[in-house]
């Protein structure tokens, strides 16, 4: 009986930890997409400047996901 409770607590902890990590990743991804959108919508920026800024933000997002 106690083994069942221990297994249940372990499973609940693992689900909770997975949910926390998923929410963290989702939040980071949303932040990065917002930054990319802002970099793409700067008024007066040339096409080259916009491209460089967007590429830098995308590279940073990819690096963050690899960490």
C-alpha atoms as a PDB file:
ATOM      1  CA  UNK A   1       0.000   0.000   0.000  1.00  0.00           C
ATOM      2  CA  UNK A   2       2.773   2.443   0.874  1.00  0.00           C
ATOM      3  CA  UNK A   3       4.585   1.518  -2.339  1.00  0.00           C
ATOM      4  CA  UNK A   4       1.455   2.448  -4.267  1.00  0.00           C
ATOM      5  CA  UNK A   5       1.333   5.841  -2.538  1.00  0.00           C
ATOM      6  CA  UNK A   6       5.027   6.395  -3.207  1.00  0.00           C
ATOM      7  CA  UNK A   7       4.551   5.512  -6.862  1.00  0.00           C
ATOM      8  CA  UNK A   8       1.542   7.839  -7.063  1.00  0.00           C
ATOM      9  CA  UNK A   9       3.489  10.732  -5.501  1.00  0.00           C
ATOM     10  CA  UNK A  10       6.386  10.079  -7.873  1.00  0.00           C
ATOM     11  CA  UNK A  11       4.048  10.081 -10.867  1.00  0.00           C
ATOM     12  CA  UNK A  12       2.332  13.265  -9.675  1.00  0.00           C
ATOM     13  CA  UNK A  13       5.712  14.946  -9.190  1.00  0.00           C
ATOM     14  CA  UNK A  14       6.850  13.901 -12.666  1.00  0.00           C
ATOM     15  CA  UNK A  15       3.644  15.230 -14.252  1.00  0.00           C
ATOM     16  CA  UNK A  16       3.997  18.485 -12.312  1.00  0.00           C
ATOM     17  CA  UNK A  17       7.651  18.854 -13.340  1.00  0.00           C
ATOM     18  CA  UNK A  18       6.811  18.133 -16.980  1.00  0.00           C
ATOM     19  CA  UNK A  19       4.040  20.745 -16.875  1.00  0.00           C
ATOM     20  CA  UNK A  20       6.382  23.310 -15.301  1.00  0.00           C
ATOM     21  CA  UNK A  21       9.040  22.708 -17.964  1.00  0.00           C
ATOM     22  CA  UNK A  22       6.444  22.845 -20.746  1.00  0.00           C
ATOM     23  CA  UNK A  23       5.046  26.150 -19.451  1.00  0.00           C
ATOM     24  CA  UNK A  24       8.559  27.575 -19.127  1.00  0.00           C
ATOM     25  CA  UNK A  25       9.422  26.582 -22.692  1.00  0.00           C
ATOM     26  CA  UNK A  26       6.121  27.958 -24.001  1.00  0.00           C
ATOM     27  CA  UNK A  27       6.742  31.262 -22.229  1.00  0.00           C
ATOM     28  CA  UNK A  28      10.290  31.528 -23.578  1.00  0.00           C
ATOM     29  CA  UNK A  29       9.087  30.734 -27.100  1.00  0.00           C
ATOM     30  CA  UNK A  30       6.318  33.355 -26.873  1.00  0.00           C
ATOM     31  CA  UNK A  31       8.845  35.960 -25.691  1.00  0.00           C
ATOM     32  CA  UNK A  32      11.201  35.131 -28.536  1.00  0.00           C
ATOM     33  CA  UNK A  33       8.453  35.307 -31.146  1.00  0.00           C
ATOM     34  CA  UNK A  34       7.399  38.689 -29.779  1.00  0.00           C
ATOM     35  CA  UNK A  35      10.981  39.950 -30.051  1.00  0.00           C
ATOM     36  CA  UNK A  36      11.216  38.684 -33.634  1.00  0.00           C
ATOM     37  CA  UNK A  37       7.935  40.393 -34.516  1.00  0.00           C
ATOM     38  CA  UNK A  38       9.140  43.660 -32.977  1.00  0.00           C
ATOM     39  CA  UNK A  39      12.453  43.442 -34.866  1.00  0.00           C
ATOM     40  CA  UNK A  40      10.557  42.935 -38.128  1.00  0.00           C
ATOM     41  CA  UNK A  41       8.256  45.926 -37.560  1.00  0.00           C
ATOM     42  CA  UNK A  42      10.698  48.750 -36.848  1.00  0.00           C
ATOM     43  CA  UNK A  43       9.591  51.836 -38.759  1.00  0.00           C
ATOM     44  CA  UNK A  44      12.141  53.361 -41.076  1.00  0.00           C
ATOM     45  CA  UNK A  45      14.420  50.332 -41.053  1.00  0.00           C
ATOM     46  CA  UNK A  46      15.820  49.222 -44.347  1.00  0.00           C
ATOM     47  CA  UNK A  47      15.151  45.735 -45.625  1.00  0.00           C
ATOM     48  CA  UNK A  48      18.748  44.728 -44.893  1.00  0.00           C
ATOM     49  CA  UNK A  49      18.608  46.068 -41.331  1.00  0.00           C
ATOM     50  CA  UNK A  50      15.326  44.277 -40.703  1.00  0.00           C
ATOM     51  CA  UNK A  51      16.722  41.032 -42.121  1.00  0.00           C
ATOM     52  CA  UNK A  52      19.833  41.246 -39.934  1.00  0.00           C
ATOM     53  CA  UNK A  53      17.786  41.993 -36.806  1.00  0.00           C
ATOM     54  CA  UNK A  54      15.295  39.193 -37.445  1.00  0.00           C
ATOM     55  CA  UNK A  55      18.079  36.704 -38.178  1.00  0.00           C
ATOM     56  CA  UNK A  56      19.857  37.678 -34.952  1.00  0.00           C
ATOM     57  CA  UNK A  57      16.648  37.144 -32.958  1.00  0.00           C
ATOM     58  CA  UNK A  58      16.020  33.780 -34.639  1.00  0.00           C
ATOM     59  CA  UNK A  59      19.595  32.680 -33.933  1.00  0.00           C
ATOM     60  CA  UNK A  60      19.184  33.675 -30.280  1.00  0.00           C
ATOM     61  CA  UNK A  61      15.904  31.735 -30.070  1.00  0.00           C
ATOM     62  CA  UNK A  62      17.495  28.622 -31.563  1.00  0.00           C
ATOM     63  CA  UNK A  63      20.456  28.887 -29.191  1.00  0.00           C
ATOM     64  CA  UNK A  64      18.074  29.259 -26.229  1.00  0.00           C
ATOM     65  CA  UNK A  65      16.161  26.135 -27.257  1.00  0.00           C
ATOM     66  CA  UNK A  66      19.435  24.194 -27.545  1.00  0.00           C
ATOM     67  CA  UNK A  67      20.429  25.083 -23.975  1.00  0.00           C
END
